[in-house]
Amino acid sequence: MNQSNQIKGLAIIAIVLHNFIRPIIGCQCNEMSWVEINATNFLIGIKSWISPLYIIGFLGWYGVPLFIFVSGYGLSIKYDKKIEFNAGRKFLFKQWKKLVILMMPTLLVFAFIVSVIYRRYYPAELLWQIPTMTANMLSFRILPGPYWFFGMIFQKYAIFLIISKLKIGTIRLLLIFAGIFIVFDYFVLYGVAPDTMVWIRHNSIGWIPVFLLGMLAARIDITVPKPIAFIGLALFSVMSVVKWFHPLNGLLLVVCVVTLCKAFESKSLVLMGLLSAYLFVLHGLTREIFYLSCWNWNLFVLITVYFAVTLTASYGYMRLDKFITRKNN
């Protein structure tokens, strides 16, 4: 459990800082589609005095595959071979309910801020598509804030249910399916239009290999020797600017991070992992507030205060959520 929370803690720090820093410094990443100029600009940016910020701005999105890996791992540990055939709909409804309760309060406030204060409008149908987990499938646009992730991860729950019910979760079949979808990722990278790739990456089909790697990790040890993990991280940093390695880079990072989190325990990362769900839904909201009021601050002071405020607000949101849950029970 501590290892999973460490991975989630590292992932949420990367995502929160990435989403906040990237617009400020004008750094574009290759999360949803590959744009060669983004990699070129990153190589230029890391030569500047704010190079650490460019590293976070360009690479911080790799927290997403870490979260997806933990999801596949956690579902396999908790539910594998325990879901009865008739319990599938109850399982999916339970997961949907948890996601909606977590995100809806912040989604409504987020929508108010960006529309009333920023005059930035999203299609009205997103207000029902996002809670029903259908926005990812129905929209080709980049969804607001962190809310695209919820529809994608809900699809992952459905995929896990199918794998469990059809009993195709053996080690050999998981490896075969992962290989098939890695080939598919290469086809998407080189063979489809950028808008189509964005849609695929907004949906579970764009993240299948790392999810299956999580399921695989629940069955076998995927760690490597620590020196290999450090070498792997160095390779990851180089591979991140090479298009051909794009489908493999997230998998390499996951194996290295899992290895190092198993070898070195950090209580701070564990605590961050426990707060990760609340940080995830709140950081987009606090980000918009800080963008509105604090542009003239020193850059590093702004980032530090933003993260501290978001962390404090997330802790309060967690306490409130647990208080309401206890009252209802």
C-alpha atoms as a PDB file:
ATOM      1  CA  MET A   1       0.000   0.000   0.000  1.00  0.00           C
ATOM      2  CA  ASN A   2       2.798   2.436   0.867  1.00  0.00           C
ATOM      3  CA  GLN A   3       4.478   1.737  -2.447  1.00  0.00           C
ATOM      4  CA  SER A   4       1.283   2.542  -4.359  1.00  0.00           C
ATOM      5  CA  ASN A   5       0.809   5.735  -2.371  1.00  0.00           C
ATOM      6  CA  GLN A   6       4.391   6.764  -3.045  1.00  0.00           C
ATOM      7  CA  ILE A   7       3.824   6.336  -6.779  1.00  0.00           C
ATOM      8  CA  LYS A   8       0.571   8.304  -6.576  1.00  0.00           C
ATOM      9  CA  GLY A   9       2.310  10.979  -4.512  1.00  0.00           C
ATOM     10  CA  LEU A  10       5.050  11.403  -7.096  1.00  0.00           C
ATOM     11  CA  ALA A  11       2.491  11.385  -9.908  1.00  0.00           C
ATOM     12  CA  ILE A  12       0.265  14.063  -8.366  1.00  0.00           C
ATOM     13  CA  ILE A  13       3.186  16.385  -7.618  1.00  0.00           C
ATOM     14  CA  ALA A  14       4.286  16.109 -11.246  1.00  0.00           C
ATOM     15  CA  ILE A  15       0.768  16.700 -12.597  1.00  0.00           C
ATOM     16  CA  VAL A  16      -0.111  19.628 -10.319  1.00  0.00           C
ATOM     17  CA  LEU A  17       3.137  21.479 -11.041  1.00  0.00           C
ATOM     18  CA  HIS A  18       3.050  20.595 -14.743  1.00  0.00           C
ATOM     19  CA  ASN A  19      -0.459  21.963 -15.246  1.00  0.00           C
ATOM     20  CA  PHE A  20       0.334  25.163 -13.342  1.00  0.00           C
ATOM     21  CA  ILE A  21       3.779  25.919 -14.773  1.00  0.00           C
ATOM     22  CA  ARG A  22       3.284  25.043 -18.427  1.00  0.00           C
ATOM     23  CA  PRO A  23       1.030  28.002 -19.418  1.00  0.00           C
ATOM     24  CA  ILE A  24       3.153  30.458 -17.432  1.00  0.00           C
ATOM     25  CA  ILE A  25       6.402  29.688 -19.258  1.00  0.00           C
ATOM     26  CA  GLY A  26       4.741  28.890 -22.583  1.00  0.00           C
ATOM     27  CA  CYS A  27       5.931  25.283 -22.696  1.00  0.00           C
ATOM     28  CA  GLN A  28       3.936  22.863 -24.828  1.00  0.00           C
ATOM     29  CA  CYS A  29       4.143  19.102 -24.174  1.00  0.00           C
ATOM     30  CA  ASN A  30       3.396  15.997 -26.255  1.00  0.00           C
ATOM     31  CA  GLU A  31       0.862  14.332 -23.973  1.00  0.00           C
ATOM     32  CA  MET A  32      -2.096  14.122 -26.339  1.00  0.00           C
ATOM     33  CA  SER A  33      -0.317  14.227 -29.698  1.00  0.00           C
ATOM     34  CA  TRP A  34       3.237  14.434 -30.976  1.00  0.00           C
ATOM     35  CA  VAL A  35       4.352  17.859 -32.208  1.00  0.00           C
ATOM     36  CA  GLU A  36       8.018  17.984 -33.163  1.00  0.00           C
ATOM     37  CA  ILE A  37       8.408  21.684 -32.444  1.00  0.00           C
ATOM     38  CA  ASN A  38       7.394  21.088 -28.815  1.00  0.00           C
ATOM     39  CA  ALA A  39      10.388  18.804 -28.320  1.00  0.00           C
ATOM     40  CA  THR A  40      12.668  21.292 -30.073  1.00  0.00           C
ATOM     41  CA  ASN A  41      11.456  24.186 -27.913  1.00  0.00           C
ATOM     42  CA  PHE A  42      11.973  22.060 -24.804  1.00  0.00           C
ATOM     43  CA  LEU A  43      15.619  21.466 -25.733  1.00  0.00           C
ATOM     44  CA  ILE A  44      16.027  25.223 -26.141  1.00  0.00           C
ATOM     45  CA  GLY A  45      14.184  25.980 -22.901  1.00  0.00           C
ATOM     46  CA  ILE A  46      16.302  23.739 -20.684  1.00  0.00           C
ATOM     47  CA  LYS A  47      19.305  25.917 -21.513  1.00  0.00           C
ATOM     48  CA  SER A  48      17.668  28.891 -19.773  1.00  0.00           C
ATOM     49  CA  TRP A  49      17.833  29.886 -16.101  1.00  0.00           C
ATOM     50  CA  ILE A  50      14.427  28.337 -15.488  1.00  0.00           C
ATOM     51  CA  SER A  51      15.396  24.947 -16.920  1.00  0.00           C
ATOM     52  CA  PRO A  52      13.832  23.001 -13.979  1.00  0.00           C
ATOM     53  CA  LEU A  53      10.500  24.570 -14.864  1.00  0.00           C
ATOM     54  CA  TYR A  54      10.841  23.529 -18.493  1.00  0.00           C
ATOM     55  CA  ILE A  55      11.557  19.964 -17.380  1.00  0.00           C
ATOM     56  CA  ILE A  56       8.370  19.930 -15.286  1.00  0.00           C
ATOM     57  CA  GLY A  57       6.379  21.697 -18.009  1.00  0.00           C
ATOM     58  CA  PHE A  58       7.408  19.233 -20.708  1.00  0.00           C
ATOM     59  CA  LEU A  59       7.629  15.971 -18.730  1.00  0.00           C
ATOM     60  CA  GLY A  60       5.220  16.429 -15.809  1.00  0.00           C
ATOM     61  CA  TRP A  61       2.331  14.878 -17.708  1.00  0.00           C
ATOM     62  CA  TYR A  62       3.999  11.486 -17.257  1.00  0.00           C
ATOM     63  CA  GLY A  63       2.271  11.446 -13.888  1.00  0.00           C
ATOM     64  CA  VAL A  64      -0.793  10.292 -15.856  1.00  0.00           C
ATOM     65  CA  PRO A  65       0.627   6.859 -16.833  1.00  0.00           C
ATOM     66  CA  LEU A  66       1.806   6.434 -13.240  1.00  0.00           C
ATOM     67  CA  PHE A  67      -1.781   6.917 -12.044  1.00  0.00           C
ATOM     68  CA  ILE A  68      -3.111   4.537 -14.694  1.00  0.00           C
ATOM     69  CA  PHE A  69      -0.555   1.912 -13.682  1.00  0.00           C
ATOM     70  CA  VAL A  70      -1.599   2.179 -10.020  1.00  0.00           C
ATOM     71  CA  SER A  71      -5.241   1.880 -11.091  1.00  0.00           C
ATOM     72  CA  GLY A  72      -4.611  -1.394 -12.945  1.00  0.00           C
ATOM     73  CA  TYR A  73      -2.510  -2.693 -10.073  1.00  0.00           C
ATOM     74  CA  GLY A  74      -4.990  -1.682  -7.368  1.00  0.00           C
ATOM     75  CA  LEU A  75      -8.016  -3.094  -9.159  1.00  0.00           C
ATOM     76  CA  SER A  76      -6.246  -6.423  -9.666  1.00  0.00           C
ATOM     77  CA  ILE A  77      -5.149  -6.649  -6.039  1.00  0.00           C
ATOM     78  CA  LYS A  78      -8.578  -5.743  -4.684  1.00  0.00           C
ATOM     79  CA  TYR A  79     -11.065  -7.255  -7.115  1.00  0.00           C
ATOM     80  CA  ASP A  80      -9.393  -9.795  -9.392  1.00  0.00           C
ATOM     81  CA  LYS A  81     -11.427 -13.038  -9.425  1.00  0.00           C
ATOM     82  CA  LYS A  82     -13.762 -11.568  -6.783  1.00  0.00           C
ATOM     83  CA  ILE A  83     -16.389  -9.957  -9.025  1.00  0.00           C
ATOM     84  CA  GLU A  84     -19.310 -12.254  -9.655  1.00  0.00           C
ATOM     85  CA  PHE A  85     -20.855 -12.217 -13.119  1.00  0.00           C
ATOM     86  CA  ASN A  86     -24.059 -10.570 -11.892  1.00  0.00           C
ATOM     87  CA  ALA A  87     -22.178  -7.938  -9.864  1.00  0.00           C
ATOM     88  CA  GLY A  88     -20.636  -6.138 -12.836  1.00  0.00           C
ATOM     89  CA  ARG A  89     -23.159  -3.310 -13.010  1.00  0.00           C
ATOM     90  CA  LYS A  90     -22.963  -2.789  -9.248  1.00  0.00           C
ATOM     91  CA  PHE A  91     -19.169  -2.604  -9.502  1.00  0.00           C
ATOM     92  CA  LEU A  92     -19.307   0.007 -12.272  1.00  0.00           C
ATOM     93  CA  PHE A  93     -22.015   2.024 -10.504  1.00  0.00           C
ATOM     94  CA  LYS A  94     -19.952   2.058  -7.311  1.00  0.00           C
ATOM     95  CA  GLN A  95     -16.895   3.355  -9.194  1.00  0.00           C
ATOM     96  CA  TRP A  96     -18.977   5.927 -11.083  1.00  0.00           C
ATOM     97  CA  LYS A  97     -20.556   7.193  -7.865  1.00  0.00           C
ATOM     98  CA  LYS A  98     -17.157   7.656  -6.208  1.00  0.00           C
ATOM     99  CA  LEU A  99     -15.833   9.617  -9.181  1.00  0.00           C
ATOM    100  CA  VAL A 100     -18.893  11.861  -9.474  1.00  0.00           C
ATOM    101  CA  ILE A 101     -19.030  12.688  -5.757  1.00  0.00           C
ATOM    102  CA  LEU A 102     -15.346  13.551  -5.831  1.00  0.00           C
ATOM    103  CA  MET A 103     -15.321  15.801  -8.890  1.00  0.00           C
ATOM    104  CA  MET A 104     -18.743  17.473  -9.167  1.00  0.00           C
ATOM    105  CA  PRO A 105     -18.339  20.210  -6.506  1.00  0.00           C
ATOM    106  CA  THR A 106     -15.051  21.379  -8.003  1.00  0.00           C
ATOM    107  CA  LEU A 107     -16.307  21.001 -11.585  1.00  0.00           C
ATOM    108  CA  LEU A 108     -19.231  23.361 -10.923  1.00  0.00           C
ATOM    109  CA  VAL A 109     -17.007  25.986  -9.272  1.00  0.00           C
ATOM    110  CA  PHE A 110     -14.444  25.622 -12.054  1.00  0.00           C
ATOM    111  CA  ALA A 111     -17.144  26.146 -14.694  1.00  0.00           C
ATOM    112  CA  PHE A 112     -18.363  29.269 -12.851  1.00  0.00           C
ATOM    113  CA  ILE A 113     -14.892  30.808 -12.624  1.00  0.00           C
ATOM    114  CA  VAL A 114     -13.858  30.251 -16.242  1.00  0.00           C
ATOM    115  CA  SER A 115     -17.214  31.409 -17.656  1.00  0.00           C
ATOM    116  CA  VAL A 116     -18.133  34.339 -15.378  1.00  0.00           C
ATOM    117  CA  ILE A 117     -14.683  35.702 -14.556  1.00  0.00           C
ATOM    118  CA  TYR A 118     -12.592  34.714 -17.581  1.00  0.00           C
ATOM    119  CA  ARG A 119     -15.413  34.768 -20.142  1.00  0.00           C
ATOM    120  CA  ARG A 120     -14.071  31.475 -21.427  1.00  0.00           C
ATOM    121  CA  TYR A 121     -16.923  29.226 -22.427  1.00  0.00           C
ATOM    122  CA  TYR A 122     -17.130  25.484 -22.976  1.00  0.00           C
ATOM    123  CA  PRO A 123     -20.057  23.765 -24.704  1.00  0.00           C
ATOM    124  CA  ALA A 124     -23.003  23.427 -22.319  1.00  0.00           C
ATOM    125  CA  GLU A 125     -23.321  19.721 -23.053  1.00  0.00           C
ATOM    126  CA  LEU A 126     -20.033  19.085 -21.220  1.00  0.00           C
ATOM    127  CA  LEU A 127     -21.845  19.747 -17.940  1.00  0.00           C
ATOM    128  CA  TRP A 128     -23.790  16.513 -18.440  1.00  0.00           C
ATOM    129  CA  GLN A 129     -21.249  14.634 -20.542  1.00  0.00           C
ATOM    130  CA  ILE A 130     -18.453  14.884 -17.948  1.00  0.00           C
ATOM    131  CA  PRO A 131     -20.518  13.546 -14.994  1.00  0.00           C
ATOM    132  CA  THR A 132     -21.917  10.739 -17.153  1.00  0.00           C
ATOM    133  CA  MET A 133     -18.373   9.828 -18.276  1.00  0.00           C
ATOM    134  CA  THR A 134     -19.317  10.230 -21.946  1.00  0.00           C
ATOM    135  CA  ALA A 135     -17.465  13.469 -22.812  1.00  0.00           C
ATOM    136  CA  ASN A 136     -14.290  11.630 -23.792  1.00  0.00           C
ATOM    137  CA  MET A 137     -16.100   9.567 -26.397  1.00  0.00           C
ATOM    138  CA  LEU A 138     -18.393  12.307 -27.711  1.00  0.00           C
ATOM    139  CA  SER A 139     -15.961  15.214 -27.948  1.00  0.00           C
ATOM    140  CA  PHE A 140     -12.854  15.697 -30.100  1.00  0.00           C
ATOM    141  CA  ARG A 141     -11.866  18.813 -28.148  1.00  0.00           C
ATOM    142  CA  ILE A 142      -9.399  18.929 -25.257  1.00  0.00           C
ATOM    143  CA  LEU A 143     -11.588  18.802 -22.161  1.00  0.00           C
ATOM    144  CA  PRO A 144     -11.307  21.434 -19.419  1.00  0.00           C
ATOM    145  CA  GLY A 145      -9.046  21.133 -16.406  1.00  0.00           C
ATOM    146  CA  PRO A 146      -8.287  17.640 -15.112  1.00  0.00           C
ATOM    147  CA  TYR A 147     -11.798  16.413 -15.856  1.00  0.00           C
ATOM    148  CA  TRP A 148     -10.950  14.454 -19.009  1.00  0.00           C
ATOM    149  CA  PHE A 149      -9.185  11.918 -16.781  1.00  0.00           C
ATOM    150  CA  PHE A 150     -12.363  10.794 -15.022  1.00  0.00           C
ATOM    151  CA  GLY A 151     -14.102   9.542 -18.160  1.00  0.00           C
ATOM    152  CA  MET A 152     -10.949   7.771 -19.296  1.00  0.00           C
ATOM    153  CA  ILE A 153     -10.367   6.027 -15.962  1.00  0.00           C
ATOM    154  CA  PHE A 154     -14.032   4.973 -15.791  1.00  0.00           C
ATOM    155  CA  GLN A 155     -13.537   3.249 -19.139  1.00  0.00           C
ATOM    156  CA  LYS A 156     -10.576   1.470 -17.550  1.00  0.00           C
ATOM    157  CA  TYR A 157     -12.901   0.067 -14.876  1.00  0.00           C
ATOM    158  CA  ALA A 158     -15.091  -1.351 -17.645  1.00  0.00           C
ATOM    159  CA  ILE A 159     -12.042  -2.871 -19.357  1.00  0.00           C
ATOM    160  CA  PHE A 160     -10.934  -4.445 -16.096  1.00  0.00           C
ATOM    161  CA  LEU A 161     -14.409  -5.896 -15.639  1.00  0.00           C
ATOM    162  CA  ILE A 162     -14.332  -7.424 -19.134  1.00  0.00           C
ATOM    163  CA  ILE A 163     -10.889  -8.931 -18.541  1.00  0.00           C
ATOM    164  CA  SER A 164     -12.046 -10.365 -15.213  1.00  0.00           C
ATOM    165  CA  LYS A 165     -15.293 -11.809 -16.543  1.00  0.00           C
ATOM    166  CA  LEU A 166     -13.743 -13.353 -19.635  1.00  0.00           C
ATOM    167  CA  LYS A 167     -10.881 -14.735 -17.523  1.00  0.00           C
ATOM    168  CA  ILE A 168      -8.254 -13.383 -19.915  1.00  0.00           C
ATOM    169  CA  GLY A 169      -6.081 -11.911 -17.187  1.00  0.00           C
ATOM    170  CA  THR A 170      -3.372 -14.569 -17.263  1.00  0.00           C
ATOM    171  CA  ILE A 171       0.236 -13.390 -17.467  1.00  0.00           C
ATOM    172  CA  ARG A 172       0.679 -14.674 -21.031  1.00  0.00           C
ATOM    173  CA  LEU A 173      -2.493 -13.026 -22.350  1.00  0.00           C
ATOM    174  CA  LEU A 174      -1.761  -9.731 -20.603  1.00  0.00           C
ATOM    175  CA  LEU A 175       1.651  -9.657 -22.262  1.00  0.00           C
ATOM    176  CA  ILE A 176       0.121 -10.470 -25.657  1.00  0.00           C
ATOM    177  CA  PHE A 177      -2.537  -7.768 -25.337  1.00  0.00           C
ATOM    178  CA  ALA A 178       0.060  -5.233 -24.154  1.00  0.00           C
ATOM    179  CA  GLY A 179       2.196  -6.029 -27.195  1.00  0.00           C
ATOM    180  CA  ILE A 180      -0.775  -5.633 -29.540  1.00  0.00           C
ATOM    181  CA  PHE A 181      -1.667  -2.251 -28.114  1.00  0.00           C
ATOM    182  CA  ILE A 182       1.939  -1.024 -28.191  1.00  0.00           C
ATOM    183  CA  VAL A 183       1.835  -1.744 -31.944  1.00  0.00           C
ATOM    184  CA  PHE A 184      -1.494   0.114 -32.035  1.00  0.00           C
ATOM    185  CA  ASP A 185       0.135   3.092 -30.276  1.00  0.00           C
ATOM    186  CA  TYR A 186       2.767   3.224 -33.019  1.00  0.00           C
ATOM    187  CA  PHE A 187       0.044   3.166 -35.640  1.00  0.00           C
ATOM    188  CA  VAL A 188      -1.705   6.060 -33.872  1.00  0.00           C
ATOM    189  CA  LEU A 189       1.570   7.994 -33.586  1.00  0.00           C
ATOM    190  CA  TYR A 190       2.497   7.683 -37.260  1.00  0.00           C
ATOM    191  CA  GLY A 191      -0.719   6.835 -39.055  1.00  0.00           C
ATOM    192  CA  VAL A 192      -3.568   9.083 -37.868  1.00  0.00           C
ATOM    193  CA  ALA A 193      -4.336  12.801 -37.897  1.00  0.00           C
ATOM    194  CA  PRO A 194      -3.397  14.825 -34.786  1.00  0.00           C
ATOM    195  CA  ASP A 195      -7.067  15.480 -33.904  1.00  0.00           C
ATOM    196  CA  THR A 196      -7.770  11.747 -34.014  1.00  0.00           C
ATOM    197  CA  MET A 197      -4.765  11.054 -31.803  1.00  0.00           C
ATOM    198  CA  VAL A 198      -6.057  13.611 -29.283  1.00  0.00           C
ATOM    199  CA  TRP A 199      -9.403  11.787 -29.180  1.00  0.00           C
ATOM    200  CA  ILE A 200      -7.687   8.401 -28.737  1.00  0.00           C
ATOM    201  CA  ARG A 201      -5.495   9.752 -25.923  1.00  0.00           C
ATOM    202  CA  HIS A 202      -8.595  11.150 -24.201  1.00  0.00           C
ATOM    203  CA  ASN A 203      -9.998   7.619 -24.077  1.00  0.00           C
ATOM    204  CA  SER A 204      -8.844   4.397 -22.471  1.00  0.00           C
ATOM    205  CA  ILE A 205      -7.725   2.891 -25.778  1.00  0.00           C
ATOM    206  CA  GLY A 206      -4.825   5.348 -25.787  1.00  0.00           C
ATOM    207  CA  TRP A 207      -3.454   4.072 -22.460  1.00  0.00           C
ATOM    208  CA  ILE A 208      -3.986   0.306 -22.578  1.00  0.00           C
ATOM    209  CA  PRO A 209      -0.368  -0.953 -22.249  1.00  0.00           C
ATOM    210  CA  VAL A 210       0.385   0.880 -18.987  1.00  0.00           C
ATOM    211  CA  PHE A 211      -2.940  -0.262 -17.491  1.00  0.00           C
ATOM    212  CA  LEU A 212      -2.149  -3.869 -18.400  1.00  0.00           C
ATOM    213  CA  LEU A 213       1.325  -3.393 -16.917  1.00  0.00           C
ATOM    214  CA  GLY A 214      -0.392  -2.525 -13.626  1.00  0.00           C
ATOM    215  CA  MET A 215      -2.468  -5.681 -13.802  1.00  0.00           C
ATOM    216  CA  LEU A 216       0.679  -7.635 -14.625  1.00  0.00           C
ATOM    217  CA  ALA A 217       2.509  -6.136 -11.626  1.00  0.00           C
ATOM    218  CA  ALA A 218      -0.191  -7.594  -9.373  1.00  0.00           C
ATOM    219  CA  ARG A 219       0.840 -11.040 -10.617  1.00  0.00           C
ATOM    220  CA  ILE A 220       4.632 -10.839 -11.074  1.00  0.00           C
ATOM    221  CA  ASP A 221       7.505  -8.649  -9.916  1.00  0.00           C
ATOM    222  CA  ILE A 222       8.281  -6.067 -12.600  1.00  0.00           C
ATOM    223  CA  THR A 223      11.094  -4.317 -10.728  1.00  0.00           C
ATOM    224  CA  VAL A 224      14.657  -4.225 -12.025  1.00  0.00           C
ATOM    225  CA  PRO A 225      17.996  -3.800 -10.180  1.00  0.00           C
ATOM    226  CA  LYS A 226      18.378  -0.279  -8.772  1.00  0.00           C
ATOM    227  CA  PRO A 227      21.332   0.697 -11.024  1.00  0.00           C
ATOM    228  CA  ILE A 228      19.268  -0.311 -14.060  1.00  0.00           C
ATOM    229  CA  ALA A 229      16.393   1.853 -12.791  1.00  0.00           C
ATOM    230  CA  PHE A 230      18.648   4.919 -12.544  1.00  0.00           C
ATOM    231  CA  ILE A 231      20.020   4.249 -16.019  1.00  0.00           C
ATOM    232  CA  GLY A 232      16.432   3.841 -17.208  1.00  0.00           C
ATOM    233  CA  LEU A 233      15.508   7.286 -15.850  1.00  0.00           C
ATOM    234  CA  ALA A 234      18.430   8.793 -17.746  1.00  0.00           C
ATOM    235  CA  LEU A 235      17.259   7.027 -20.917  1.00  0.00           C
ATOM    236  CA  PHE A 236      13.714   8.237 -20.267  1.00  0.00           C
ATOM    237  CA  SER A 237      14.856  11.868 -20.229  1.00  0.00           C
ATOM    238  CA  VAL A 238      16.628  11.398 -23.571  1.00  0.00           C
ATOM    239  CA  MET A 239      13.850   9.317 -25.148  1.00  0.00           C
ATOM    240  CA  SER A 240      11.209  11.922 -24.279  1.00  0.00           C
ATOM    241  CA  VAL A 241      12.303  14.138 -27.191  1.00  0.00           C
ATOM    242  CA  VAL A 242      12.467  11.318 -29.761  1.00  0.00           C
ATOM    243  CA  LYS A 243       9.180  10.523 -31.502  1.00  0.00           C
ATOM    244  CA  TRP A 244       9.914   6.836 -32.086  1.00  0.00           C
ATOM    245  CA  PHE A 245      10.206   6.162 -28.334  1.00  0.00           C
ATOM    246  CA  HIS A 246       6.971   7.927 -27.386  1.00  0.00           C
ATOM    247  CA  PRO A 247       4.815   4.771 -26.941  1.00  0.00           C
ATOM    248  CA  LEU A 248       7.515   3.105 -24.810  1.00  0.00           C
ATOM    249  CA  ASN A 249       8.597   6.002 -22.625  1.00  0.00           C
ATOM    250  CA  GLY A 250       5.718   5.816 -20.149  1.00  0.00           C
ATOM    251  CA  LEU A 251       6.263   2.086 -19.652  1.00  0.00           C
ATOM    252  CA  LEU A 252       9.983   2.647 -19.021  1.00  0.00           C
ATOM    253  CA  LEU A 253       9.243   5.372 -16.481  1.00  0.00           C
ATOM    254  CA  VAL A 254       6.731   3.187 -14.641  1.00  0.00           C
ATOM    255  CA  VAL A 255       9.167   0.293 -14.252  1.00  0.00           C
ATOM    256  CA  CYS A 256      11.893   2.648 -12.969  1.00  0.00           C
ATOM    257  CA  VAL A 257       9.588   4.469 -10.544  1.00  0.00           C
ATOM    258  CA  VAL A 258       8.102   1.210  -9.199  1.00  0.00           C
ATOM    259  CA  THR A 259      11.609  -0.121  -8.614  1.00  0.00           C
ATOM    260  CA  LEU A 260      12.829   2.979  -6.784  1.00  0.00           C
ATOM    261  CA  CYS A 261       9.645   3.386  -4.710  1.00  0.00           C
ATOM    262  CA  LYS A 262      10.084  -0.201  -3.565  1.00  0.00           C
ATOM    263  CA  ALA A 263      13.739   0.400  -2.682  1.00  0.00           C
ATOM    264  CA  PHE A 264      13.363   3.804  -0.993  1.00  0.00           C
ATOM    265  CA  GLU A 265      10.407   4.764   1.196  1.00  0.00           C
ATOM    266  CA  SER A 266       9.358   8.387   1.543  1.00  0.00           C
ATOM    267  CA  LYS A 267       6.740   9.260   4.145  1.00  0.00           C
ATOM    268  CA  SER A 268       6.163  12.606   2.425  1.00  0.00           C
ATOM    269  CA  LEU A 269       5.291  10.885  -0.850  1.00  0.00           C
ATOM    270  CA  VAL A 270       3.014   8.453   1.000  1.00  0.00           C
ATOM    271  CA  LEU A 271       1.099  11.385   2.519  1.00  0.00           C
ATOM    272  CA  MET A 272       0.880  13.052  -0.885  1.00  0.00           C
ATOM    273  CA  GLY A 273      -0.459   9.811  -2.295  1.00  0.00           C
ATOM    274  CA  LEU A 274      -3.180   9.678   0.332  1.00  0.00           C
ATOM    275  CA  LEU A 275      -4.221  13.206  -0.693  1.00  0.00           C
ATOM    276  CA  SER A 276      -3.761  12.622  -4.421  1.00  0.00           C
ATOM    277  CA  ALA A 277      -7.438  12.292  -5.383  1.00  0.00           C
ATOM    278  CA  TYR A 278      -8.321  15.573  -3.657  1.00  0.00           C
ATOM    279  CA  LEU A 279      -5.279  17.350  -5.070  1.00  0.00           C
ATOM    280  CA  PHE A 280      -6.258  16.130  -8.502  1.00  0.00           C
ATOM    281  CA  VAL A 281      -9.769  17.578  -8.455  1.00  0.00           C
ATOM    282  CA  LEU A 282      -8.833  20.820  -6.687  1.00  0.00           C
ATOM    283  CA  HIS A 283      -5.641  21.889  -8.421  1.00  0.00           C
ATOM    284  CA  GLY A 284      -7.387  23.080 -11.579  1.00  0.00           C
ATOM    285  CA  LEU A 285      -9.666  25.281  -9.504  1.00  0.00           C
ATOM    286  CA  THR A 286      -6.899  26.865  -7.405  1.00  0.00           C
ATOM    287  CA  ARG A 287      -4.824  27.287 -10.565  1.00  0.00           C
ATOM    288  CA  GLU A 288      -7.473  29.478 -12.179  1.00  0.00           C
ATOM    289  CA  ILE A 289      -7.713  31.626  -9.027  1.00  0.00           C
ATOM    290  CA  PHE A 290      -3.943  32.127  -8.901  1.00  0.00           C
ATOM    291  CA  TYR A 291      -3.777  32.957 -12.590  1.00  0.00           C
ATOM    292  CA  LEU A 292      -6.361  35.657 -11.958  1.00  0.00           C
ATOM    293  CA  SER A 293      -4.697  37.403  -9.023  1.00  0.00           C
ATOM    294  CA  CYS A 294      -0.970  36.669  -8.761  1.00  0.00           C
ATOM    295  CA  TRP A 295       0.676  37.191 -12.174  1.00  0.00           C
ATOM    296  CA  ASN A 296       3.072  39.881 -10.898  1.00  0.00           C
ATOM    297  CA  TRP A 297       4.638  37.656  -8.217  1.00  0.00           C
ATOM    298  CA  ASN A 298       8.144  36.236  -8.391  1.00  0.00           C
ATOM    299  CA  LEU A 299       7.841  33.017 -10.399  1.00  0.00           C
ATOM    300  CA  PHE A 300       9.282  30.642  -7.817  1.00  0.00           C
ATOM    301  CA  VAL A 301       7.363  32.304  -4.951  1.00  0.00           C
ATOM    302  CA  LEU A 302       4.164  31.997  -6.996  1.00  0.00           C
ATOM    303  CA  ILE A 303       4.706  28.266  -7.592  1.00  0.00           C
ATOM    304  CA  THR A 304       5.561  27.610  -3.925  1.00  0.00           C
ATOM    305  CA  VAL A 305       2.537  29.500  -2.577  1.00  0.00           C
ATOM    306  CA  TYR A 306       0.234  27.927  -5.167  1.00  0.00           C
ATOM    307  CA  PHE A 307       1.306  24.427  -4.230  1.00  0.00           C
ATOM    308  CA  ALA A 308       1.033  25.139  -0.477  1.00  0.00           C
ATOM    309  CA  VAL A 309      -2.458  26.604  -0.835  1.00  0.00           C
ATOM    310  CA  THR A 310      -3.604  23.736  -3.074  1.00  0.00           C
ATOM    311  CA  LEU A 311      -2.196  21.194  -0.627  1.00  0.00           C
ATOM    312  CA  THR A 312      -3.939  22.863   2.326  1.00  0.00           C
ATOM    313  CA  ALA A 313      -7.246  23.128   0.470  1.00  0.00           C
ATOM    314  CA  SER A 314      -7.010  19.478  -0.560  1.00  0.00           C
ATOM    315  CA  TYR A 315      -6.447  18.400   3.026  1.00  0.00           C
ATOM    316  CA  GLY A 316      -9.518  20.384   4.086  1.00  0.00           C
ATOM    317  CA  TYR A 317     -11.551  18.864   1.239  1.00  0.00           C
ATOM    318  CA  MET A 318     -10.478  15.381   2.330  1.00  0.00           C
ATOM    319  CA  ARG A 319     -11.513  16.037   5.939  1.00  0.00           C
ATOM    320  CA  LEU A 320     -14.868  17.411   4.779  1.00  0.00           C
ATOM    321  CA  ASP A 321     -15.449  14.421   2.503  1.00  0.00           C
ATOM    322  CA  LYS A 322     -14.670  11.952   5.274  1.00  0.00           C
ATOM    323  CA  PHE A 323     -16.897  13.870   7.730  1.00  0.00           C
ATOM    324  CA  ILE A 324     -19.849  13.769   5.313  1.00  0.00           C
ATOM    325  CA  THR A 325     -19.205  10.074   4.626  1.00  0.00           C
ATOM    326  CA  ARG A 326     -19.256   9.270   8.360  1.00  0.00           C
ATOM    327  CA  LYS A 327     -22.495  11.230   8.822  1.00  0.00           C
ATOM    328  CA  ASN A 328     -24.175   9.374   5.985  1.00  0.00           C
ATOM    329  CA  ASN A 329     -23.075   6.006   7.374  1.00  0.00           C
END
